[in-house]
Amino acid sequence: MLIGTINEYNPARVAYADAVIRAIDFLRSKDFTKLEDGRYEIEGDLMYATVSRYTTKPAKECFPESHRRYYDVQFLAEGEEHLGWCPFTPDLKVKTPYDEEKDITFYEKLVPESNFVLKPGVFAVLTTKDVHCPCRAIDDKPGKVLKVVVKVSTELLKDE
């Protein structure tokens, strides 16, 4: 997992894969407060963004997830949420087996658990080796957020 801020991001000073740099450049180029919720094509199915407005949930209602075909570049445009994280470990217990169509596996809980707060302007790059738990309310007090998730296919990362 990599964390950064849009305003301080400088592609000349980081070693991100070219596809991840393109995803971050997309995030820097838009005012998401003026876009409707939905899917936005960047490079077809190889890279696309989903804009979502929702209310965060108490931690007990959120379950960790992982993906096999896509990296997530998660970006908060408005609001705040906890993003839980852990690496793959043998202690993870699958809640819902891998769904190939949705490219997602759900787990019972993060083991070990780390958390940080996504705030406006902060992005997190989550690889296929990162288990993450999004949408969690700060102090279990639901709040409104505007979030953009850029999905970056592992196909774009094979040669990097």
N, C-alpha and C. Protein backbone atom coordinates (compact mmCIF):
# COMPACT_ATOMS: atom_id res chain seq x y z
N MET A 1 0.85 -1.16 0.00
CA MET A 1 0.00 0.00 0.00
C MET A 1 0.90 1.23 0.00
N LEU A 2 0.48 2.22 -0.78
CA LEU A 2 1.15 3.51 -0.83
C LEU A 2 0.13 4.59 -0.52
N ILE A 3 0.53 5.59 0.22
CA ILE A 3 -0.37 6.69 0.57
C ILE A 3 0.29 8.00 0.15
N GLY A 4 -0.53 8.91 -0.36
CA GLY A 4 0.00 10.22 -0.73
C GLY A 4 -1.10 11.26 -0.76
N THR A 5 -0.72 12.48 -1.08
CA THR A 5 -1.71 13.55 -1.25
C THR A 5 -1.59 14.10 -2.66
N ILE A 6 -2.71 14.42 -3.22
CA ILE A 6 -2.76 14.94 -4.59
C ILE A 6 -1.94 16.22 -4.72
N ASN A 7 -2.06 17.13 -3.76
CA ASN A 7 -1.38 18.41 -3.87
C ASN A 7 0.14 18.30 -3.78
N GLU A 8 0.65 17.30 -3.06
CA GLU A 8 2.09 17.14 -2.91
C GLU A 8 2.67 16.08 -3.83
N TYR A 9 1.84 15.47 -4.62
CA TYR A 9 2.28 14.41 -5.52
C TYR A 9 3.17 15.00 -6.62
N ASN A 10 4.33 14.38 -6.83
CA ASN A 10 5.26 14.80 -7.87
C ASN A 10 5.79 13.54 -8.53
N PRO A 11 5.35 13.24 -9.77
CA PRO A 11 5.75 11.98 -10.40
C PRO A 11 7.26 11.84 -10.59
N ALA A 12 7.99 12.95 -10.58
CA ALA A 12 9.44 12.89 -10.73
C ALA A 12 10.12 12.40 -9.45
N ARG A 13 9.40 12.41 -8.33
CA ARG A 13 10.00 12.05 -7.04
C ARG A 13 9.50 10.71 -6.49
N VAL A 14 8.68 10.00 -7.25
CA VAL A 14 8.15 8.72 -6.78
C VAL A 14 8.44 7.62 -7.79
N ALA A 15 8.42 6.40 -7.34
CA ALA A 15 8.72 5.27 -8.21
C ALA A 15 7.48 4.44 -8.49
N TYR A 16 6.33 5.08 -8.69
CA TYR A 16 5.11 4.35 -9.00
C TYR A 16 5.17 3.82 -10.43
N ALA A 17 4.46 2.74 -10.67
CA ALA A 17 4.33 2.21 -12.03
C ALA A 17 3.64 3.24 -12.91
N ASP A 18 3.96 3.22 -14.20
CA ASP A 18 3.38 4.20 -15.14
C ASP A 18 1.85 4.20 -15.10
N ALA A 19 1.25 3.02 -15.00
CA ALA A 19 -0.22 2.94 -14.97
C ALA A 19 -0.77 3.61 -13.71
N VAL A 20 -0.10 3.46 -12.59
CA VAL A 20 -0.55 4.11 -11.35
C VAL A 20 -0.38 5.62 -11.48
N ILE A 21 0.70 6.07 -12.11
CA ILE A 21 0.89 7.51 -12.34
C ILE A 21 -0.24 8.06 -13.21
N ARG A 22 -0.63 7.31 -14.23
CA ARG A 22 -1.75 7.77 -15.08
C ARG A 22 -3.04 7.85 -14.28
N ALA A 23 -3.25 6.91 -13.37
CA ALA A 23 -4.46 6.93 -12.52
C ALA A 23 -4.44 8.17 -11.62
N ILE A 24 -3.30 8.47 -11.02
CA ILE A 24 -3.20 9.64 -10.15
C ILE A 24 -3.35 10.92 -10.97
N ASP A 25 -2.78 10.95 -12.17
CA ASP A 25 -2.95 12.12 -13.04
C ASP A 25 -4.43 12.34 -13.36
N PHE A 26 -5.18 11.26 -13.57
CA PHE A 26 -6.62 11.39 -13.78
C PHE A 26 -7.27 12.03 -12.56
N LEU A 27 -6.92 11.57 -11.37
CA LEU A 27 -7.50 12.13 -10.15
C LEU A 27 -7.17 13.62 -10.01
N ARG A 28 -5.99 14.01 -10.42
CA ARG A 28 -5.57 15.42 -10.34
C ARG A 28 -6.29 16.29 -11.36
N SER A 29 -6.82 15.69 -12.40
CA SER A 29 -7.35 16.47 -13.53
C SER A 29 -8.84 16.80 -13.42
N LYS A 30 -9.53 16.28 -12.44
CA LYS A 30 -11.00 16.42 -12.37
C LYS A 30 -11.45 17.09 -11.07
N ASP A 31 -12.56 17.80 -11.19
CA ASP A 31 -13.28 18.29 -10.00
C ASP A 31 -14.45 17.34 -9.81
N PHE A 32 -14.27 16.37 -8.94
CA PHE A 32 -15.27 15.32 -8.78
C PHE A 32 -16.56 15.80 -8.14
N THR A 33 -16.53 16.96 -7.52
CA THR A 33 -17.76 17.51 -6.94
C THR A 33 -18.75 17.89 -8.03
N LYS A 34 -18.26 18.01 -9.27
CA LYS A 34 -19.12 18.39 -10.39
C LYS A 34 -19.52 17.20 -11.25
N LEU A 35 -19.07 16.01 -10.88
CA LEU A 35 -19.41 14.81 -11.64
C LEU A 35 -20.48 14.01 -10.91
N GLU A 36 -21.32 13.35 -11.69
CA GLU A 36 -22.33 12.47 -11.11
C GLU A 36 -21.70 11.14 -10.72
N ASP A 37 -22.36 10.42 -9.82
CA ASP A 37 -21.91 9.08 -9.46
C ASP A 37 -21.94 8.19 -10.69
N GLY A 38 -21.00 7.27 -10.75
CA GLY A 38 -20.99 6.32 -11.85
C GLY A 38 -19.59 5.98 -12.29
N ARG A 39 -19.53 5.23 -13.38
CA ARG A 39 -18.26 4.75 -13.93
C ARG A 39 -17.78 5.69 -15.02
N TYR A 40 -16.47 5.97 -15.01
CA TYR A 40 -15.85 6.85 -15.99
C TYR A 40 -14.67 6.11 -16.62
N GLU A 41 -14.75 5.91 -17.93
CA GLU A 41 -13.70 5.19 -18.64
C GLU A 41 -12.44 6.05 -18.71
N ILE A 42 -11.30 5.43 -18.46
CA ILE A 42 -10.01 6.08 -18.63
C ILE A 42 -9.26 5.36 -19.75
N GLU A 43 -9.11 4.05 -19.61
CA GLU A 43 -8.51 3.19 -20.64
C GLU A 43 -9.35 1.93 -20.79
N GLY A 44 -10.64 2.13 -21.00
CA GLY A 44 -11.56 1.00 -21.14
C GLY A 44 -11.61 0.17 -19.87
N ASP A 45 -11.68 -1.15 -20.02
CA ASP A 45 -11.71 -2.05 -18.86
C ASP A 45 -10.35 -2.17 -18.17
N LEU A 46 -9.30 -1.66 -18.81
CA LEU A 46 -7.97 -1.73 -18.21
C LEU A 46 -7.78 -0.68 -17.10
N MET A 47 -8.50 0.44 -17.23
CA MET A 47 -8.45 1.46 -16.19
C MET A 47 -9.72 2.29 -16.27
N TYR A 48 -10.42 2.35 -15.16
CA TYR A 48 -11.64 3.15 -15.10
C TYR A 48 -11.83 3.65 -13.67
N ALA A 49 -12.65 4.67 -13.54
CA ALA A 49 -12.91 5.25 -12.21
C ALA A 49 -14.38 5.09 -11.88
N THR A 50 -14.65 4.91 -10.59
CA THR A 50 -16.01 4.88 -10.07
C THR A 50 -16.14 6.02 -9.07
N VAL A 51 -17.10 6.91 -9.32
CA VAL A 51 -17.39 8.03 -8.43
C VAL A 51 -18.59 7.63 -7.59
N SER A 52 -18.47 7.76 -6.26
CA SER A 52 -19.56 7.34 -5.36
C SER A 52 -19.74 8.34 -4.22
N ARG A 53 -20.98 8.67 -3.96
CA ARG A 53 -21.35 9.44 -2.77
C ARG A 53 -22.10 8.48 -1.86
N TYR A 54 -21.67 8.39 -0.61
CA TYR A 54 -22.32 7.47 0.32
C TYR A 54 -22.08 7.94 1.74
N THR A 55 -22.73 7.24 2.65
CA THR A 55 -22.55 7.49 4.08
C THR A 55 -21.70 6.37 4.64
N THR A 56 -20.64 6.72 5.38
CA THR A 56 -19.78 5.71 5.99
C THR A 56 -20.57 4.92 7.02
N LYS A 57 -20.05 3.73 7.36
CA LYS A 57 -20.77 2.81 8.25
C LYS A 57 -19.94 2.49 9.49
N PRO A 58 -20.60 2.07 10.55
CA PRO A 58 -19.85 1.59 11.73
C PRO A 58 -18.94 0.43 11.34
N ALA A 59 -17.83 0.30 12.03
CA ALA A 59 -16.83 -0.72 11.71
C ALA A 59 -17.42 -2.13 11.66
N LYS A 60 -18.37 -2.44 12.55
CA LYS A 60 -18.92 -3.80 12.60
C LYS A 60 -19.71 -4.16 11.35
N GLU A 61 -20.06 -3.16 10.53
CA GLU A 61 -20.81 -3.40 9.30
C GLU A 61 -19.92 -3.46 8.06
N CYS A 62 -18.61 -3.29 8.25
CA CYS A 62 -17.67 -3.28 7.14
C CYS A 62 -16.78 -4.52 7.19
N PHE A 63 -16.51 -5.08 6.03
CA PHE A 63 -15.67 -6.27 5.97
C PHE A 63 -14.50 -6.04 5.03
N PRO A 64 -13.33 -6.52 5.42
CA PRO A 64 -12.14 -6.38 4.57
C PRO A 64 -12.33 -7.10 3.24
N GLU A 65 -11.60 -6.62 2.25
CA GLU A 65 -11.70 -7.16 0.90
C GLU A 65 -10.33 -7.17 0.24
N SER A 66 -10.23 -7.97 -0.82
CA SER A 66 -9.04 -7.94 -1.68
C SER A 66 -9.50 -8.21 -3.11
N HIS A 67 -8.59 -7.89 -4.03
CA HIS A 67 -8.86 -8.05 -5.46
C HIS A 67 -7.71 -8.80 -6.11
N ARG A 68 -7.98 -9.47 -7.20
CA ARG A 68 -6.93 -10.21 -7.92
C ARG A 68 -6.57 -9.56 -9.25
N ARG A 69 -7.54 -8.94 -9.93
CA ARG A 69 -7.30 -8.41 -11.28
C ARG A 69 -7.01 -6.92 -11.32
N TYR A 70 -7.33 -6.20 -10.25
CA TYR A 70 -7.18 -4.75 -10.27
C TYR A 70 -6.51 -4.23 -9.00
N TYR A 71 -5.67 -3.22 -9.19
CA TYR A 71 -5.23 -2.38 -8.07
C TYR A 71 -6.35 -1.36 -7.85
N ASP A 72 -6.49 -0.89 -6.63
CA ASP A 72 -7.38 0.24 -6.32
C ASP A 72 -6.52 1.47 -6.05
N VAL A 73 -6.89 2.58 -6.65
CA VAL A 73 -6.34 3.87 -6.23
C VAL A 73 -7.54 4.62 -5.66
N GLN A 74 -7.64 4.64 -4.34
CA GLN A 74 -8.79 5.23 -3.66
C GLN A 74 -8.46 6.67 -3.30
N PHE A 75 -9.41 7.57 -3.57
CA PHE A 75 -9.22 9.00 -3.38
C PHE A 75 -10.48 9.61 -2.78
N LEU A 76 -10.31 10.37 -1.74
CA LEU A 76 -11.45 11.05 -1.13
C LEU A 76 -11.50 12.51 -1.60
N ALA A 77 -12.62 12.89 -2.20
CA ALA A 77 -12.81 14.27 -2.64
C ALA A 77 -13.52 15.10 -1.58
N GLU A 78 -14.40 14.48 -0.80
CA GLU A 78 -15.12 15.16 0.28
C GLU A 78 -15.35 14.17 1.42
N GLY A 79 -15.36 14.67 2.65
CA GLY A 79 -15.64 13.85 3.82
C GLY A 79 -14.38 13.16 4.35
N GLU A 80 -14.59 12.24 5.29
CA GLU A 80 -13.50 11.47 5.89
C GLU A 80 -13.99 10.05 6.15
N GLU A 81 -13.06 9.09 6.05
CA GLU A 81 -13.38 7.73 6.42
C GLU A 81 -12.11 7.01 6.87
N HIS A 82 -12.30 6.02 7.74
CA HIS A 82 -11.20 5.13 8.10
C HIS A 82 -11.01 4.13 6.97
N LEU A 83 -9.78 3.86 6.65
CA LEU A 83 -9.46 2.79 5.72
C LEU A 83 -8.58 1.81 6.48
N GLY A 84 -9.11 0.62 6.70
CA GLY A 84 -8.34 -0.42 7.37
C GLY A 84 -7.48 -1.15 6.36
N TRP A 85 -6.37 -1.72 6.85
CA TRP A 85 -5.44 -2.38 5.95
C TRP A 85 -4.67 -3.48 6.68
N CYS A 86 -4.30 -4.52 5.93
CA CYS A 86 -3.32 -5.49 6.39
C CYS A 86 -2.77 -6.21 5.16
N PRO A 87 -1.58 -6.80 5.29
CA PRO A 87 -1.07 -7.64 4.20
C PRO A 87 -1.75 -9.00 4.28
N PHE A 88 -1.61 -9.79 3.21
CA PHE A 88 -2.09 -11.17 3.29
C PHE A 88 -1.33 -11.89 4.39
N THR A 89 -2.05 -12.60 5.23
CA THR A 89 -1.43 -13.41 6.28
C THR A 89 -2.19 -14.73 6.36
N PRO A 90 -1.57 -15.76 6.90
CA PRO A 90 -2.28 -17.04 7.06
C PRO A 90 -3.44 -16.94 8.05
N ASP A 91 -3.47 -15.88 8.86
CA ASP A 91 -4.52 -15.74 9.87
C ASP A 91 -5.83 -15.18 9.32
N LEU A 92 -5.83 -14.70 8.08
CA LEU A 92 -7.07 -14.16 7.50
C LEU A 92 -8.07 -15.29 7.28
N LYS A 93 -9.32 -15.03 7.65
CA LYS A 93 -10.40 -16.01 7.44
C LYS A 93 -11.37 -15.46 6.41
N VAL A 94 -11.58 -16.22 5.36
CA VAL A 94 -12.48 -15.81 4.27
C VAL A 94 -13.92 -15.82 4.75
N LYS A 95 -14.61 -14.73 4.51
CA LYS A 95 -16.04 -14.62 4.81
C LYS A 95 -16.85 -15.01 3.56
N THR A 96 -16.46 -14.45 2.41
CA THR A 96 -17.11 -14.74 1.14
C THR A 96 -16.02 -15.07 0.13
N PRO A 97 -16.03 -16.28 -0.44
CA PRO A 97 -14.99 -16.67 -1.40
C PRO A 97 -14.92 -15.73 -2.60
N TYR A 98 -13.81 -15.82 -3.30
CA TYR A 98 -13.55 -14.97 -4.45
C TYR A 98 -14.68 -15.05 -5.47
N ASP A 99 -15.17 -13.88 -5.87
CA ASP A 99 -16.18 -13.74 -6.92
C ASP A 99 -15.45 -13.20 -8.14
N GLU A 100 -15.25 -14.06 -9.14
CA GLU A 100 -14.47 -13.68 -10.32
C GLU A 100 -15.11 -12.52 -11.08
N GLU A 101 -16.43 -12.53 -11.20
CA GLU A 101 -17.11 -11.47 -11.94
C GLU A 101 -16.90 -10.10 -11.28
N LYS A 102 -16.97 -10.05 -9.96
CA LYS A 102 -16.81 -8.79 -9.23
C LYS A 102 -15.37 -8.55 -8.79
N ASP A 103 -14.50 -9.52 -8.99
CA ASP A 103 -13.09 -9.44 -8.59
C ASP A 103 -12.94 -9.05 -7.12
N ILE A 104 -13.56 -9.85 -6.25
CA ILE A 104 -13.50 -9.51 -4.83
C ILE A 104 -13.61 -10.74 -3.94
N THR A 105 -12.84 -10.74 -2.87
CA THR A 105 -12.95 -11.71 -1.77
C THR A 105 -13.19 -10.89 -0.52
N PHE A 106 -14.08 -11.34 0.35
CA PHE A 106 -14.31 -10.68 1.64
C PHE A 106 -13.76 -11.55 2.75
N TYR A 107 -13.28 -10.89 3.81
CA TYR A 107 -12.70 -11.57 4.97
C TYR A 107 -13.46 -11.20 6.23
N GLU A 108 -13.32 -12.02 7.26
CA GLU A 108 -13.98 -11.76 8.55
C GLU A 108 -13.43 -10.50 9.22
N LYS A 109 -12.08 -10.39 9.26
CA LYS A 109 -11.45 -9.22 9.88
C LYS A 109 -10.02 -9.10 9.38
N LEU A 110 -9.43 -7.94 9.59
CA LEU A 110 -8.04 -7.69 9.26
C LEU A 110 -7.14 -8.30 10.34
N VAL A 111 -6.07 -8.98 9.90
CA VAL A 111 -5.13 -9.59 10.85
C VAL A 111 -3.71 -9.42 10.30
N PRO A 112 -2.86 -8.60 10.90
CA PRO A 112 -3.14 -7.63 11.96
C PRO A 112 -3.84 -6.42 11.34
N GLU A 113 -4.41 -5.59 12.16
CA GLU A 113 -5.18 -4.45 11.66
C GLU A 113 -4.40 -3.15 11.82
N SER A 114 -4.37 -2.39 10.73
CA SER A 114 -3.85 -1.02 10.74
C SER A 114 -4.94 -0.14 10.15
N ASN A 115 -5.03 1.08 10.62
CA ASN A 115 -6.04 2.02 10.11
C ASN A 115 -5.41 3.37 9.87
N PHE A 116 -5.94 4.07 8.90
CA PHE A 116 -5.60 5.48 8.73
C PHE A 116 -6.82 6.19 8.20
N VAL A 117 -6.80 7.50 8.29
CA VAL A 117 -7.95 8.30 7.88
C VAL A 117 -7.72 8.85 6.48
N LEU A 118 -8.65 8.54 5.59
CA LEU A 118 -8.66 9.17 4.27
C LEU A 118 -9.39 10.49 4.43
N LYS A 119 -8.74 11.57 4.00
CA LYS A 119 -9.32 12.92 4.04
C LYS A 119 -9.30 13.47 2.63
N PRO A 120 -10.00 14.55 2.37
CA PRO A 120 -9.97 15.13 1.03
C PRO A 120 -8.53 15.38 0.56
N GLY A 121 -8.26 14.93 -0.64
CA GLY A 121 -6.94 15.11 -1.24
C GLY A 121 -5.98 13.97 -0.99
N VAL A 122 -6.35 13.02 -0.14
CA VAL A 122 -5.48 11.88 0.16
C VAL A 122 -5.86 10.70 -0.74
N PHE A 123 -4.83 10.01 -1.26
CA PHE A 123 -5.09 8.81 -2.04
C PHE A 123 -4.31 7.64 -1.44
N ALA A 124 -4.82 6.44 -1.69
CA ALA A 124 -4.16 5.21 -1.26
C ALA A 124 -4.12 4.26 -2.46
N VAL A 125 -2.93 3.75 -2.75
CA VAL A 125 -2.76 2.77 -3.81
C VAL A 125 -2.72 1.40 -3.14
N LEU A 126 -3.69 0.57 -3.46
CA LEU A 126 -3.84 -0.75 -2.85
C LEU A 126 -3.61 -1.81 -3.92
N THR A 127 -2.60 -2.64 -3.73
CA THR A 127 -2.24 -3.64 -4.71
C THR A 127 -3.06 -4.91 -4.49
N THR A 128 -2.82 -5.90 -5.30
CA THR A 128 -3.50 -7.18 -5.15
C THR A 128 -3.00 -7.95 -3.94
N LYS A 129 -1.97 -7.46 -3.29
CA LYS A 129 -1.44 -8.09 -2.07
C LYS A 129 -1.91 -7.36 -0.81
N ASP A 130 -2.75 -6.35 -0.98
CA ASP A 130 -3.27 -5.56 0.14
C ASP A 130 -4.71 -5.94 0.44
N VAL A 131 -4.99 -6.27 1.69
CA VAL A 131 -6.37 -6.49 2.13
C VAL A 131 -6.80 -5.17 2.77
N HIS A 132 -7.95 -4.66 2.38
CA HIS A 132 -8.36 -3.35 2.87
C HIS A 132 -9.83 -3.34 3.25
N CYS A 133 -10.17 -2.43 4.14
CA CYS A 133 -11.54 -2.32 4.65
C CYS A 133 -11.98 -0.86 4.53
N PRO A 134 -12.65 -0.52 3.42
CA PRO A 134 -13.07 0.85 3.19
C PRO A 134 -14.44 1.16 3.82
N CYS A 135 -14.83 2.41 3.70
CA CYS A 135 -16.20 2.88 4.04
C CYS A 135 -16.47 2.98 5.54
N ARG A 136 -15.45 2.90 6.37
CA ARG A 136 -15.66 2.89 7.82
C ARG A 136 -15.78 4.31 8.38
N ALA A 137 -16.76 4.48 9.23
CA ALA A 137 -17.02 5.78 9.86
C ALA A 137 -15.93 6.11 10.87
N ILE A 138 -15.62 7.38 10.96
CA ILE A 138 -14.69 7.86 11.98
C ILE A 138 -15.41 7.80 13.33
N ASP A 139 -14.79 7.16 14.32
CA ASP A 139 -15.39 7.01 15.66
C ASP A 139 -16.80 6.42 15.60
N ASP A 140 -17.06 5.58 14.59
CA ASP A 140 -18.37 4.94 14.38
C ASP A 140 -19.52 5.93 14.22
N LYS A 141 -19.20 7.17 13.81
CA LYS A 141 -20.23 8.18 13.54
C LYS A 141 -20.33 8.35 12.04
N PRO A 142 -21.40 7.83 11.43
CA PRO A 142 -21.54 7.91 9.97
C PRO A 142 -21.43 9.33 9.46
N GLY A 143 -20.81 9.46 8.30
CA GLY A 143 -20.64 10.75 7.65
C GLY A 143 -20.69 10.60 6.15
N LYS A 144 -21.02 11.67 5.47
CA LYS A 144 -21.10 11.68 4.00
C LYS A 144 -19.71 11.82 3.40
N VAL A 145 -19.45 11.05 2.34
CA VAL A 145 -18.20 11.14 1.62
C VAL A 145 -18.45 11.15 0.11
N LEU A 146 -17.48 11.69 -0.60
CA LEU A 146 -17.43 11.60 -2.05
C LEU A 146 -16.09 10.94 -2.35
N LYS A 147 -16.17 9.72 -2.86
CA LYS A 147 -14.97 8.92 -3.08
C LYS A 147 -14.85 8.52 -4.54
N VAL A 148 -13.62 8.48 -5.00
CA VAL A 148 -13.31 8.01 -6.35
C VAL A 148 -12.35 6.85 -6.20
N VAL A 149 -12.68 5.75 -6.86
CA VAL A 149 -11.78 4.60 -6.90
C VAL A 149 -11.41 4.35 -8.35
N VAL A 150 -10.11 4.48 -8.65
CA VAL A 150 -9.62 4.14 -9.98
C VAL A 150 -9.16 2.70 -9.94
N LYS A 151 -9.72 1.89 -10.81
CA LYS A 151 -9.36 0.48 -10.92
C LYS A 151 -8.29 0.37 -12.03
N VAL A 152 -7.12 -0.18 -11.67
CA VAL A 152 -6.01 -0.32 -12.60
C VAL A 152 -5.75 -1.81 -12.79
N SER A 153 -5.97 -2.30 -14.00
CA SER A 153 -5.80 -3.71 -14.29
C SER A 153 -4.35 -4.14 -14.11
N THR A 154 -4.18 -5.34 -13.57
CA THR A 154 -2.83 -5.89 -13.45
C THR A 154 -2.20 -6.13 -14.83
N GLU A 155 -3.05 -6.18 -15.88
CA GLU A 155 -2.52 -6.30 -17.24
C GLU A 155 -1.64 -5.12 -17.59
N LEU A 156 -1.96 -3.94 -17.08
CA LEU A 156 -1.17 -2.73 -17.35
C LEU A 156 0.14 -2.72 -16.57
N LEU A 157 0.26 -3.59 -15.59
CA LEU A 157 1.43 -3.58 -14.70
C LEU A 157 2.40 -4.71 -14.98
N LYS A 158 2.08 -5.58 -15.92
CA LYS A 158 2.90 -6.78 -16.17
C LYS A 158 4.32 -6.46 -16.60
N ASP A 159 4.49 -5.45 -17.42
CA ASP A 159 5.82 -5.16 -17.96
C ASP A 159 6.56 -4.10 -17.16
N GLU A 160 5.99 -3.69 -16.03
CA GLU A 160 6.62 -2.61 -15.27
C GLU A 160 7.37 -3.15 -14.07
